[in-house]
Amino acid sequence: MPELLDPLGPALGGPDGSNQRTERASLPLPVTESLVGGYRWTEQRLFELLGTWAAEATAPELRVHLDAQSGRHAWHASLWADRLPVRDGVSADELTVAPTVAARVLASLDRSGPEAAPLVAGLYRVVLPRLVTGYANHLRAAAPVGDGPVIRALRLVMSDEVEDWHAGERLVQRLLTHPDDVDSASVATRELESLFVEAGTGEGLTGWPL
């Protein structure tokens, strides 16, 4: 069987069955601050946007779905606020900085108009998959000892996000009832992905600090 490779480091498990990730050093503090601050901003913004969209939705199913998802993003934002590194004279709010491309993508999604199909397709076929990918990349790069609290948060949040992603994809498929819906959803996802390509972000929603 071929080795399962970790794109951010060594193989996930050596030939003797050991986990080589335990030898990885903790991420530098500025990197952790940037990532976790970006996660907090992103989850908080998703909470705000989904809450607004829920209030404006006319379809009961969509309204209930978005309202429930909004609450979960609020909890994730609170969880990330608790995981921000503590430094004298630096508040959590100062470390909560909008990732540039993620902010542009969410602003673009918010301007996508009142049609449900492109809005939900953009959310569940671009935003959440990229958010989950970024969390997974961070989890693979983190050191089990030094980054323990962040690893626990990543696992909790990822579990929710994957569940939400699947529920959202089911909703997208129910909303695609006409060829025009398919076209509008495709246009929305293409426009959002183009923002990442133009910025050279690579994987994930928030990018990786340089």
N, C-alpha and C. Protein backbone atom coordinates (compact mmCIF):
# COMPACT_ATOMS: atom_id res chain seq x y z
N MET A 1 0.86 -1.19 0.00
CA MET A 1 0.00 0.00 0.00
C MET A 1 0.89 1.24 0.00
N PRO A 2 0.62 2.24 -0.87
CA PRO A 2 1.47 3.43 -0.88
C PRO A 2 1.32 4.22 0.42
N GLU A 3 2.41 4.93 0.77
CA GLU A 3 2.40 5.74 1.98
C GLU A 3 1.44 6.91 1.84
N LEU A 4 0.71 7.21 2.91
CA LEU A 4 -0.15 8.39 2.95
C LEU A 4 0.72 9.57 3.31
N LEU A 5 0.83 10.53 2.40
CA LEU A 5 1.73 11.65 2.60
C LEU A 5 0.99 12.87 3.13
N ASP A 6 1.64 13.57 4.02
CA ASP A 6 1.15 14.83 4.56
C ASP A 6 1.76 15.95 3.75
N PRO A 7 0.96 16.77 3.05
CA PRO A 7 1.54 17.82 2.20
C PRO A 7 2.30 18.88 2.97
N LEU A 8 2.10 18.95 4.29
CA LEU A 8 2.80 19.95 5.08
C LEU A 8 3.96 19.36 5.87
N GLY A 9 4.27 18.12 5.65
CA GLY A 9 5.35 17.55 6.44
C GLY A 9 5.59 16.11 6.06
N PRO A 10 6.17 15.31 6.96
CA PRO A 10 6.51 13.92 6.67
C PRO A 10 5.27 13.05 6.55
N ALA A 11 5.49 11.79 6.17
CA ALA A 11 4.39 10.85 6.04
C ALA A 11 3.63 10.74 7.36
N LEU A 12 2.32 10.47 7.26
CA LEU A 12 1.49 10.33 8.46
C LEU A 12 1.70 8.93 9.04
N GLY A 13 2.83 8.77 9.70
CA GLY A 13 3.14 7.49 10.30
C GLY A 13 4.33 6.84 9.61
N GLY A 14 5.33 6.48 10.38
CA GLY A 14 6.53 5.89 9.82
C GLY A 14 6.36 4.40 9.60
N PRO A 15 7.38 3.74 9.08
CA PRO A 15 7.30 2.31 8.79
C PRO A 15 7.11 1.47 10.04
N ASP A 16 7.52 2.00 11.20
CA ASP A 16 7.34 1.26 12.45
C ASP A 16 6.00 1.55 13.11
N GLY A 17 5.14 2.33 12.42
CA GLY A 17 3.83 2.64 12.97
C GLY A 17 3.81 3.87 13.84
N SER A 18 4.96 4.49 14.06
CA SER A 18 5.00 5.68 14.89
C SER A 18 4.45 6.88 14.14
N ASN A 19 4.01 7.88 14.88
CA ASN A 19 3.48 9.10 14.26
C ASN A 19 4.58 10.14 14.25
N GLN A 20 5.08 10.45 13.06
CA GLN A 20 6.22 11.35 12.97
C GLN A 20 5.86 12.79 13.28
N ARG A 21 4.56 13.12 13.33
CA ARG A 21 4.18 14.49 13.61
C ARG A 21 4.57 14.93 15.01
N THR A 22 4.78 13.95 15.93
CA THR A 22 5.12 14.32 17.29
C THR A 22 6.47 15.03 17.36
N GLU A 23 7.30 14.90 16.32
CA GLU A 23 8.61 15.53 16.34
C GLU A 23 8.57 16.97 15.81
N ARG A 24 7.43 17.40 15.30
CA ARG A 24 7.34 18.74 14.74
C ARG A 24 7.32 19.78 15.86
N ALA A 25 8.04 20.88 15.65
CA ALA A 25 8.05 21.95 16.63
C ALA A 25 6.75 22.73 16.57
N SER A 26 6.43 23.40 17.67
CA SER A 26 5.23 24.24 17.70
C SER A 26 5.34 25.34 16.66
N LEU A 27 4.21 25.77 16.15
CA LEU A 27 4.21 26.87 15.19
C LEU A 27 4.68 28.15 15.88
N PRO A 28 5.40 29.01 15.18
CA PRO A 28 5.83 30.28 15.78
C PRO A 28 4.63 31.09 16.26
N LEU A 29 4.83 31.83 17.33
CA LEU A 29 3.72 32.60 17.92
C LEU A 29 3.06 33.54 16.91
N PRO A 30 3.81 34.30 16.10
CA PRO A 30 3.15 35.19 15.14
C PRO A 30 2.26 34.45 14.14
N VAL A 31 2.66 33.23 13.76
CA VAL A 31 1.85 32.44 12.84
C VAL A 31 0.55 32.02 13.51
N THR A 32 0.65 31.54 14.75
CA THR A 32 -0.55 31.13 15.49
C THR A 32 -1.48 32.32 15.70
N GLU A 33 -0.91 33.47 16.06
CA GLU A 33 -1.73 34.67 16.25
C GLU A 33 -2.48 35.03 14.97
N SER A 34 -1.77 34.99 13.85
CA SER A 34 -2.38 35.36 12.58
C SER A 34 -3.48 34.38 12.18
N LEU A 35 -3.20 33.09 12.31
CA LEU A 35 -4.18 32.08 11.92
C LEU A 35 -5.42 32.13 12.81
N VAL A 36 -5.21 32.10 14.12
CA VAL A 36 -6.35 32.05 15.04
C VAL A 36 -7.15 33.36 15.00
N GLY A 37 -6.44 34.48 14.89
CA GLY A 37 -7.14 35.76 14.75
C GLY A 37 -7.99 35.79 13.48
N GLY A 38 -7.43 35.24 12.38
CA GLY A 38 -8.18 35.17 11.13
C GLY A 38 -9.36 34.23 11.23
N TYR A 39 -9.20 33.12 11.94
CA TYR A 39 -10.32 32.20 12.13
C TYR A 39 -11.45 32.88 12.92
N ARG A 40 -11.05 33.59 13.96
CA ARG A 40 -12.08 34.25 14.77
C ARG A 40 -12.85 35.27 13.93
N TRP A 41 -12.12 36.07 13.15
CA TRP A 41 -12.80 37.07 12.32
C TRP A 41 -13.74 36.39 11.32
N THR A 42 -13.27 35.33 10.69
CA THR A 42 -14.05 34.64 9.66
C THR A 42 -15.32 34.04 10.24
N GLU A 43 -15.19 33.34 11.38
CA GLU A 43 -16.36 32.72 11.99
C GLU A 43 -17.35 33.78 12.48
N GLN A 44 -16.83 34.89 13.02
CA GLN A 44 -17.71 35.97 13.47
C GLN A 44 -18.45 36.59 12.29
N ARG A 45 -17.73 36.76 11.18
CA ARG A 45 -18.37 37.35 10.00
C ARG A 45 -19.42 36.41 9.41
N LEU A 46 -19.15 35.12 9.42
CA LEU A 46 -20.15 34.15 8.95
C LEU A 46 -21.38 34.16 9.84
N PHE A 47 -21.17 34.28 11.14
CA PHE A 47 -22.30 34.42 12.07
C PHE A 47 -23.16 35.61 11.71
N GLU A 48 -22.53 36.74 11.44
CA GLU A 48 -23.27 37.96 11.10
C GLU A 48 -24.00 37.83 9.77
N LEU A 49 -23.29 37.33 8.77
CA LEU A 49 -23.88 37.23 7.43
C LEU A 49 -25.04 36.24 7.39
N LEU A 50 -24.82 35.06 7.96
CA LEU A 50 -25.88 34.05 7.91
C LEU A 50 -27.10 34.49 8.72
N GLY A 51 -26.86 35.22 9.81
CA GLY A 51 -27.98 35.75 10.58
C GLY A 51 -28.79 36.75 9.78
N THR A 52 -28.10 37.61 9.03
CA THR A 52 -28.78 38.58 8.17
C THR A 52 -29.55 37.89 7.06
N TRP A 53 -28.89 36.91 6.41
CA TRP A 53 -29.55 36.19 5.31
C TRP A 53 -30.76 35.42 5.82
N ALA A 54 -30.66 34.87 7.03
CA ALA A 54 -31.80 34.13 7.59
C ALA A 54 -32.99 35.05 7.78
N ALA A 55 -32.73 36.26 8.26
CA ALA A 55 -33.82 37.22 8.48
C ALA A 55 -34.48 37.65 7.18
N GLU A 56 -33.70 37.63 6.09
CA GLU A 56 -34.21 38.08 4.79
C GLU A 56 -34.80 36.95 3.96
N ALA A 57 -34.53 35.70 4.33
CA ALA A 57 -34.97 34.55 3.53
C ALA A 57 -36.49 34.42 3.56
N THR A 58 -37.06 34.09 2.42
CA THR A 58 -38.52 33.90 2.35
C THR A 58 -38.91 32.44 2.48
N ALA A 59 -38.03 31.53 2.06
CA ALA A 59 -38.33 30.10 2.17
C ALA A 59 -38.09 29.64 3.61
N PRO A 60 -39.09 29.03 4.26
CA PRO A 60 -38.91 28.60 5.66
C PRO A 60 -37.73 27.67 5.87
N GLU A 61 -37.52 26.72 4.95
CA GLU A 61 -36.41 25.78 5.11
C GLU A 61 -35.07 26.51 5.11
N LEU A 62 -34.92 27.46 4.19
CA LEU A 62 -33.67 28.21 4.11
C LEU A 62 -33.48 29.08 5.35
N ARG A 63 -34.54 29.71 5.80
CA ARG A 63 -34.45 30.58 6.97
C ARG A 63 -34.03 29.80 8.22
N VAL A 64 -34.64 28.65 8.43
CA VAL A 64 -34.29 27.82 9.60
C VAL A 64 -32.85 27.33 9.50
N HIS A 65 -32.46 26.89 8.32
CA HIS A 65 -31.10 26.38 8.12
C HIS A 65 -30.06 27.46 8.41
N LEU A 66 -30.21 28.62 7.80
CA LEU A 66 -29.22 29.69 7.97
C LEU A 66 -29.17 30.18 9.41
N ASP A 67 -30.31 30.24 10.06
CA ASP A 67 -30.33 30.69 11.46
C ASP A 67 -29.56 29.71 12.35
N ALA A 68 -29.76 28.42 12.13
CA ALA A 68 -29.05 27.42 12.93
C ALA A 68 -27.55 27.48 12.67
N GLN A 69 -27.17 27.62 11.40
CA GLN A 69 -25.75 27.67 11.07
C GLN A 69 -25.09 28.93 11.61
N SER A 70 -25.83 30.01 11.62
CA SER A 70 -25.30 31.26 12.17
C SER A 70 -24.88 31.07 13.62
N GLY A 71 -25.72 30.40 14.40
CA GLY A 71 -25.40 30.17 15.81
C GLY A 71 -24.16 29.33 16.00
N ARG A 72 -23.95 28.36 15.13
CA ARG A 72 -22.76 27.52 15.25
C ARG A 72 -21.50 28.31 14.95
N HIS A 73 -21.57 29.21 13.97
CA HIS A 73 -20.41 30.04 13.68
C HIS A 73 -20.10 30.99 14.84
N ALA A 74 -21.14 31.46 15.52
CA ALA A 74 -20.92 32.32 16.70
C ALA A 74 -20.14 31.57 17.77
N TRP A 75 -20.49 30.31 17.98
CA TRP A 75 -19.79 29.51 18.99
C TRP A 75 -18.34 29.28 18.57
N HIS A 76 -18.13 29.03 17.29
CA HIS A 76 -16.75 28.85 16.81
C HIS A 76 -15.92 30.11 17.02
N ALA A 77 -16.52 31.27 16.75
CA ALA A 77 -15.80 32.53 16.95
C ALA A 77 -15.41 32.70 18.41
N SER A 78 -16.31 32.34 19.31
CA SER A 78 -16.01 32.42 20.74
C SER A 78 -14.90 31.46 21.13
N LEU A 79 -14.93 30.27 20.54
CA LEU A 79 -13.89 29.28 20.82
C LEU A 79 -12.52 29.78 20.37
N TRP A 80 -12.46 30.40 19.20
CA TRP A 80 -11.18 30.92 18.71
C TRP A 80 -10.71 32.11 19.54
N ALA A 81 -11.63 32.91 20.03
CA ALA A 81 -11.24 34.02 20.90
C ALA A 81 -10.52 33.51 22.14
N ASP A 82 -10.98 32.37 22.66
CA ASP A 82 -10.35 31.78 23.85
C ASP A 82 -9.00 31.15 23.54
N ARG A 83 -8.72 30.89 22.26
CA ARG A 83 -7.45 30.24 21.89
C ARG A 83 -6.41 31.24 21.40
N LEU A 84 -6.74 32.51 21.36
CA LEU A 84 -5.76 33.51 20.94
C LEU A 84 -4.64 33.60 21.99
N PRO A 85 -3.39 33.67 21.56
CA PRO A 85 -2.28 33.79 22.51
C PRO A 85 -2.45 35.02 23.40
N VAL A 86 -2.09 34.88 24.66
CA VAL A 86 -2.20 35.97 25.62
C VAL A 86 -0.86 36.70 25.70
N ARG A 87 -0.89 38.01 25.44
CA ARG A 87 0.31 38.83 25.55
C ARG A 87 -0.04 40.11 26.28
N ASP A 88 0.86 40.57 27.14
CA ASP A 88 0.61 41.80 27.89
C ASP A 88 0.40 42.97 26.94
N GLY A 89 -0.66 43.72 27.19
CA GLY A 89 -0.93 44.93 26.41
C GLY A 89 -1.54 44.69 25.05
N VAL A 90 -1.84 43.42 24.70
CA VAL A 90 -2.44 43.11 23.40
C VAL A 90 -3.77 42.40 23.64
N SER A 91 -4.85 42.99 23.17
CA SER A 91 -6.17 42.40 23.38
C SER A 91 -6.51 41.41 22.28
N ALA A 92 -7.51 40.57 22.55
CA ALA A 92 -7.96 39.62 21.55
C ALA A 92 -8.48 40.33 20.31
N ASP A 93 -9.12 41.47 20.51
CA ASP A 93 -9.66 42.21 19.37
C ASP A 93 -8.55 42.73 18.46
N GLU A 94 -7.41 43.11 19.05
CA GLU A 94 -6.29 43.59 18.24
C GLU A 94 -5.70 42.47 17.38
N LEU A 95 -5.81 41.24 17.85
CA LEU A 95 -5.29 40.10 17.09
C LEU A 95 -6.31 39.54 16.10
N THR A 96 -7.54 40.02 16.19
CA THR A 96 -8.60 39.55 15.30
C THR A 96 -8.61 40.43 14.05
N VAL A 97 -7.91 39.97 13.04
CA VAL A 97 -7.72 40.75 11.82
C VAL A 97 -8.33 39.98 10.64
N ALA A 98 -9.03 40.71 9.79
CA ALA A 98 -9.68 40.08 8.63
C ALA A 98 -8.64 39.59 7.64
N PRO A 99 -8.64 38.30 7.30
CA PRO A 99 -7.78 37.83 6.20
C PRO A 99 -8.23 38.49 4.90
N THR A 100 -7.32 39.07 4.16
CA THR A 100 -7.67 39.92 3.02
C THR A 100 -8.58 39.24 2.01
N VAL A 101 -8.18 38.06 1.54
CA VAL A 101 -8.97 37.40 0.49
C VAL A 101 -10.29 36.88 1.05
N ALA A 102 -10.26 36.33 2.25
CA ALA A 102 -11.51 35.85 2.86
C ALA A 102 -12.51 36.99 2.99
N ALA A 103 -12.04 38.16 3.37
CA ALA A 103 -12.93 39.32 3.51
C ALA A 103 -13.53 39.69 2.16
N ARG A 104 -12.72 39.66 1.11
CA ARG A 104 -13.23 39.97 -0.24
C ARG A 104 -14.24 38.94 -0.70
N VAL A 105 -13.97 37.67 -0.42
CA VAL A 105 -14.88 36.60 -0.84
C VAL A 105 -16.22 36.71 -0.13
N LEU A 106 -16.20 36.95 1.17
CA LEU A 106 -17.45 37.05 1.91
C LEU A 106 -18.22 38.30 1.51
N ALA A 107 -17.52 39.39 1.22
CA ALA A 107 -18.19 40.59 0.74
C ALA A 107 -18.84 40.34 -0.62
N SER A 108 -18.15 39.62 -1.49
CA SER A 108 -18.70 39.29 -2.80
C SER A 108 -19.92 38.39 -2.66
N LEU A 109 -19.84 37.42 -1.77
CA LEU A 109 -20.97 36.52 -1.55
C LEU A 109 -22.18 37.29 -1.02
N ASP A 110 -21.92 38.26 -0.16
CA ASP A 110 -23.00 39.06 0.41
C ASP A 110 -23.69 39.91 -0.65
N ARG A 111 -22.97 40.22 -1.72
CA ARG A 111 -23.54 41.03 -2.80
C ARG A 111 -24.14 40.19 -3.92
N SER A 112 -24.23 38.88 -3.70
CA SER A 112 -24.65 37.99 -4.79
C SER A 112 -26.12 38.10 -5.13
N GLY A 113 -26.89 38.81 -4.31
CA GLY A 113 -28.29 39.03 -4.64
C GLY A 113 -29.22 38.13 -3.85
N PRO A 114 -30.53 38.30 -4.06
CA PRO A 114 -31.52 37.60 -3.25
C PRO A 114 -31.76 36.14 -3.64
N GLU A 115 -31.25 35.70 -4.80
CA GLU A 115 -31.48 34.32 -5.21
C GLU A 115 -30.79 33.35 -4.26
N ALA A 116 -31.53 32.32 -3.85
CA ALA A 116 -31.00 31.39 -2.86
C ALA A 116 -29.91 30.50 -3.43
N ALA A 117 -30.09 30.01 -4.66
CA ALA A 117 -29.16 29.02 -5.22
C ALA A 117 -27.71 29.52 -5.28
N PRO A 118 -27.43 30.70 -5.87
CA PRO A 118 -26.03 31.14 -5.92
C PRO A 118 -25.47 31.46 -4.54
N LEU A 119 -26.29 31.98 -3.65
CA LEU A 119 -25.82 32.30 -2.31
C LEU A 119 -25.39 31.05 -1.56
N VAL A 120 -26.26 30.05 -1.56
CA VAL A 120 -25.97 28.83 -0.82
C VAL A 120 -24.88 28.02 -1.51
N ALA A 121 -24.86 28.03 -2.85
CA ALA A 121 -23.79 27.32 -3.56
C ALA A 121 -22.43 27.94 -3.25
N GLY A 122 -22.36 29.26 -3.24
CA GLY A 122 -21.10 29.91 -2.91
C GLY A 122 -20.64 29.58 -1.50
N LEU A 123 -21.61 29.51 -0.59
CA LEU A 123 -21.28 29.22 0.80
C LEU A 123 -20.78 27.79 0.98
N TYR A 124 -21.49 26.84 0.37
CA TYR A 124 -21.20 25.43 0.64
C TYR A 124 -20.35 24.73 -0.41
N ARG A 125 -20.07 25.41 -1.53
CA ARG A 125 -19.19 24.80 -2.52
C ARG A 125 -17.86 25.53 -2.65
N VAL A 126 -17.74 26.66 -1.95
CA VAL A 126 -16.48 27.39 -1.97
C VAL A 126 -16.04 27.72 -0.54
N VAL A 127 -16.84 28.48 0.18
CA VAL A 127 -16.42 29.01 1.48
C VAL A 127 -16.16 27.90 2.50
N LEU A 128 -17.15 27.06 2.76
CA LEU A 128 -16.94 26.02 3.78
C LEU A 128 -15.90 24.99 3.38
N PRO A 129 -15.89 24.49 2.13
CA PRO A 129 -14.81 23.56 1.79
C PRO A 129 -13.41 24.15 1.98
N ARG A 130 -13.25 25.42 1.64
CA ARG A 130 -11.95 26.06 1.82
C ARG A 130 -11.65 26.29 3.31
N LEU A 131 -12.67 26.61 4.08
CA LEU A 131 -12.47 26.78 5.52
C LEU A 131 -12.02 25.47 6.16
N VAL A 132 -12.68 24.37 5.79
CA VAL A 132 -12.32 23.05 6.31
C VAL A 132 -10.90 22.67 5.87
N THR A 133 -10.56 22.95 4.62
CA THR A 133 -9.21 22.64 4.12
C THR A 133 -8.15 23.40 4.91
N GLY A 134 -8.40 24.67 5.19
CA GLY A 134 -7.45 25.45 5.97
C GLY A 134 -7.28 24.92 7.38
N TYR A 135 -8.40 24.55 8.01
CA TYR A 135 -8.32 23.97 9.34
C TYR A 135 -7.53 22.64 9.32
N ALA A 136 -7.79 21.83 8.30
CA ALA A 136 -7.09 20.54 8.19
C ALA A 136 -5.59 20.74 7.98
N ASN A 137 -5.21 21.71 7.17
CA ASN A 137 -3.79 22.00 6.96
C ASN A 137 -3.12 22.45 8.26
N HIS A 138 -3.82 23.30 9.02
CA HIS A 138 -3.28 23.75 10.30
C HIS A 138 -3.12 22.57 11.25
N LEU A 139 -4.12 21.69 11.26
CA LEU A 139 -4.05 20.54 12.15
C LEU A 139 -2.84 19.66 11.83
N ARG A 140 -2.55 19.48 10.55
CA ARG A 140 -1.40 18.66 10.16
C ARG A 140 -0.08 19.35 10.49
N ALA A 141 -0.07 20.68 10.49
CA ALA A 141 1.17 21.41 10.75
C ALA A 141 1.44 21.61 12.24
N ALA A 142 0.41 21.45 13.07
CA ALA A 142 0.55 21.73 14.50
C ALA A 142 1.29 20.62 15.23
N ALA A 143 1.97 21.00 16.33
CA ALA A 143 2.70 20.04 17.16
C ALA A 143 1.79 19.57 18.29
N PRO A 144 1.63 18.26 18.49
CA PRO A 144 0.71 17.75 19.50
C PRO A 144 0.96 18.28 20.91
N VAL A 145 2.22 18.55 21.25
CA VAL A 145 2.52 19.01 22.61
C VAL A 145 2.33 20.52 22.74
N GLY A 146 3.07 21.28 21.97
CA GLY A 146 3.05 22.73 22.13
C GLY A 146 1.77 23.40 21.66
N ASP A 147 1.07 22.78 20.70
CA ASP A 147 -0.13 23.40 20.13
C ASP A 147 -1.41 22.69 20.58
N GLY A 148 -1.35 22.00 21.71
CA GLY A 148 -2.47 21.19 22.17
C GLY A 148 -3.81 21.89 22.22
N PRO A 149 -3.92 23.07 22.87
CA PRO A 149 -5.23 23.75 22.94
C PRO A 149 -5.79 24.11 21.56
N VAL A 150 -4.92 24.53 20.66
CA VAL A 150 -5.38 24.87 19.31
C VAL A 150 -5.81 23.61 18.56
N ILE A 151 -5.08 22.52 18.73
CA ILE A 151 -5.45 21.26 18.08
C ILE A 151 -6.82 20.81 18.54
N ARG A 152 -7.11 20.91 19.83
CA ARG A 152 -8.43 20.51 20.33
C ARG A 152 -9.52 21.37 19.72
N ALA A 153 -9.27 22.67 19.61
CA ALA A 153 -10.25 23.56 19.00
C ALA A 153 -10.44 23.23 17.53
N LEU A 154 -9.36 22.98 16.82
CA LEU A 154 -9.45 22.63 15.40
C LEU A 154 -10.32 21.39 15.20
N ARG A 155 -10.13 20.39 16.03
CA ARG A 155 -10.91 19.16 15.88
C ARG A 155 -12.39 19.40 16.16
N LEU A 156 -12.68 20.18 17.18
CA LEU A 156 -14.09 20.49 17.49
C LEU A 156 -14.75 21.25 16.36
N VAL A 157 -14.06 22.30 15.90
CA VAL A 157 -14.65 23.14 14.86
C VAL A 157 -14.74 22.39 13.54
N MET A 158 -13.71 21.63 13.19
CA MET A 158 -13.75 20.88 11.94
C MET A 158 -14.89 19.88 11.92
N SER A 159 -15.15 19.23 13.05
CA SER A 159 -16.26 18.28 13.11
C SER A 159 -17.58 18.96 12.77
N ASP A 160 -17.78 20.15 13.35
CA ASP A 160 -19.00 20.93 13.05
C ASP A 160 -19.04 21.34 11.58
N GLU A 161 -17.92 21.86 11.09
CA GLU A 161 -17.89 22.42 9.74
C GLU A 161 -18.13 21.34 8.68
N VAL A 162 -17.57 20.17 8.87
CA VAL A 162 -17.79 19.09 7.91
C VAL A 162 -19.26 18.68 7.92
N GLU A 163 -19.84 18.58 9.09
CA GLU A 163 -21.26 18.25 9.20
C GLU A 163 -22.12 19.33 8.52
N ASP A 164 -21.77 20.60 8.76
CA ASP A 164 -22.52 21.71 8.16
C ASP A 164 -22.34 21.74 6.64
N TRP A 165 -21.14 21.46 6.20
CA TRP A 165 -20.84 21.43 4.76
C TRP A 165 -21.73 20.39 4.06
N HIS A 166 -21.84 19.20 4.64
CA HIS A 166 -22.66 18.16 4.04
C HIS A 166 -24.14 18.54 4.06
N ALA A 167 -24.59 19.10 5.17
CA ALA A 167 -25.99 19.54 5.24
C ALA A 167 -26.26 20.64 4.23
N GLY A 168 -25.29 21.54 4.08
CA GLY A 168 -25.44 22.63 3.12
C GLY A 168 -25.47 22.13 1.69
N GLU A 169 -24.64 21.14 1.37
CA GLU A 169 -24.63 20.59 0.01
C GLU A 169 -25.98 19.92 -0.30
N ARG A 170 -26.55 19.25 0.67
CA ARG A 170 -27.88 18.67 0.44
C ARG A 170 -28.90 19.76 0.14
N LEU A 171 -28.78 20.89 0.85
CA LEU A 171 -29.68 22.01 0.61
C LEU A 171 -29.47 22.59 -0.78
N VAL A 172 -28.22 22.73 -1.19
CA VAL A 172 -27.93 23.24 -2.54
C VAL A 172 -28.61 22.36 -3.59
N GLN A 173 -28.48 21.06 -3.44
CA GLN A 173 -29.05 20.15 -4.44
C GLN A 173 -30.57 20.24 -4.47
N ARG A 174 -31.19 20.50 -3.34
CA ARG A 174 -32.65 20.67 -3.33
C ARG A 174 -33.07 21.98 -3.98
N LEU A 175 -32.19 22.99 -3.92
CA LEU A 175 -32.52 24.29 -4.49
C LEU A 175 -32.32 24.34 -6.01
N LEU A 176 -31.54 23.41 -6.54
CA LEU A 176 -31.28 23.40 -7.98
C LEU A 176 -32.41 22.66 -8.70
N THR A 177 -33.48 23.39 -8.95
CA THR A 177 -34.68 22.77 -9.54
C THR A 177 -34.89 23.14 -11.00
N HIS A 178 -34.02 24.01 -11.55
CA HIS A 178 -34.19 24.48 -12.92
C HIS A 178 -32.80 24.72 -13.51
N PRO A 179 -32.63 24.54 -14.83
CA PRO A 179 -31.31 24.81 -15.43
C PRO A 179 -30.77 26.20 -15.11
N ASP A 180 -31.64 27.19 -14.99
CA ASP A 180 -31.18 28.53 -14.64
C ASP A 180 -30.54 28.56 -13.25
N ASP A 181 -31.07 27.73 -12.34
CA ASP A 181 -30.48 27.65 -10.99
C ASP A 181 -29.07 27.10 -11.06
N VAL A 182 -28.89 26.09 -11.91
CA VAL A 182 -27.56 25.50 -12.08
C VAL A 182 -26.59 26.53 -12.63
N ASP A 183 -27.05 27.30 -13.62
CA ASP A 183 -26.20 28.32 -14.22
C ASP A 183 -25.80 29.39 -13.21
N SER A 184 -26.77 29.88 -12.44
CA SER A 184 -26.48 30.95 -11.48
C SER A 184 -25.57 30.46 -10.36
N ALA A 185 -25.76 29.22 -9.94
CA ALA A 185 -24.89 28.65 -8.91
C ALA A 185 -23.47 28.49 -9.44
N SER A 186 -23.34 28.05 -10.69
CA SER A 186 -22.02 27.87 -11.29
C SER A 186 -21.28 29.20 -11.43
N VAL A 187 -22.00 30.21 -11.85
CA VAL A 187 -21.40 31.55 -11.99
C VAL A 187 -20.91 32.04 -10.63
N ALA A 188 -21.73 31.86 -9.60
CA ALA A 188 -21.37 32.33 -8.26
C ALA A 188 -20.10 31.65 -7.75
N THR A 189 -20.03 30.33 -7.90
CA THR A 189 -18.85 29.62 -7.40
C THR A 189 -17.61 29.96 -8.22
N ARG A 190 -17.76 30.13 -9.53
CA ARG A 190 -16.61 30.50 -10.37
C ARG A 190 -16.07 31.86 -9.99
N GLU A 191 -16.96 32.82 -9.75
CA GLU A 191 -16.51 34.16 -9.38
C GLU A 191 -15.77 34.16 -8.04
N LEU A 192 -16.26 33.39 -7.09
CA LEU A 192 -15.59 33.34 -5.78
C LEU A 192 -14.23 32.66 -5.89
N GLU A 193 -14.18 31.53 -6.58
CA GLU A 193 -12.89 30.84 -6.73
C GLU A 193 -11.88 31.70 -7.48
N SER A 194 -12.37 32.50 -8.42
CA SER A 194 -11.46 33.37 -9.18
C SER A 194 -10.75 34.36 -8.27
N LEU A 195 -11.41 34.79 -7.21
CA LEU A 195 -10.77 35.72 -6.27
C LEU A 195 -9.56 35.07 -5.60
N PHE A 196 -9.67 33.79 -5.27
CA PHE A 196 -8.54 33.08 -4.66
C PHE A 196 -7.41 32.90 -5.67
N VAL A 197 -7.78 32.56 -6.89
CA VAL A 197 -6.76 32.35 -7.91
C VAL A 197 -6.01 33.64 -8.20
N GLU A 198 -6.75 34.73 -8.33
CA GLU A 198 -6.12 36.03 -8.60
C GLU A 198 -5.18 36.45 -7.49
N ALA A 199 -5.53 36.10 -6.25
CA ALA A 199 -4.70 36.49 -5.10
C ALA A 199 -3.55 35.51 -4.86
N GLY A 200 -3.58 34.36 -5.52
CA GLY A 200 -2.53 33.37 -5.30
C GLY A 200 -2.57 32.76 -3.91
N THR A 201 -3.77 32.64 -3.36
CA THR A 201 -3.92 32.17 -1.99
C THR A 201 -3.53 30.71 -1.81
N GLY A 202 -3.76 29.89 -2.83
CA GLY A 202 -3.52 28.46 -2.68
C GLY A 202 -4.66 27.80 -1.95
N GLU A 203 -4.34 26.89 -1.07
CA GLU A 203 -5.37 26.14 -0.35
C GLU A 203 -5.98 26.97 0.78
N GLY A 204 -7.19 26.62 1.16
CA GLY A 204 -7.82 27.21 2.32
C GLY A 204 -8.55 28.51 2.03
N LEU A 205 -9.21 29.01 3.06
CA LEU A 205 -9.99 30.25 2.95
C LEU A 205 -9.19 31.46 3.40
N THR A 206 -8.43 31.31 4.46
CA THR A 206 -7.73 32.46 5.04
C THR A 206 -6.29 32.57 4.60
N GLY A 207 -5.76 31.53 3.93
CA GLY A 207 -4.36 31.56 3.53
C GLY A 207 -3.44 31.21 4.70
N TRP A 208 -2.18 31.05 4.38
CA TRP A 208 -1.17 30.69 5.40
C TRP A 208 -0.22 31.87 5.56
N PRO A 209 0.03 32.31 6.81
CA PRO A 209 0.93 33.46 7.04
C PRO A 209 2.32 33.20 6.48
N LEU A 210 2.89 34.20 5.85
CA LEU A 210 4.24 34.07 5.30
C LEU A 210 5.28 34.33 6.38
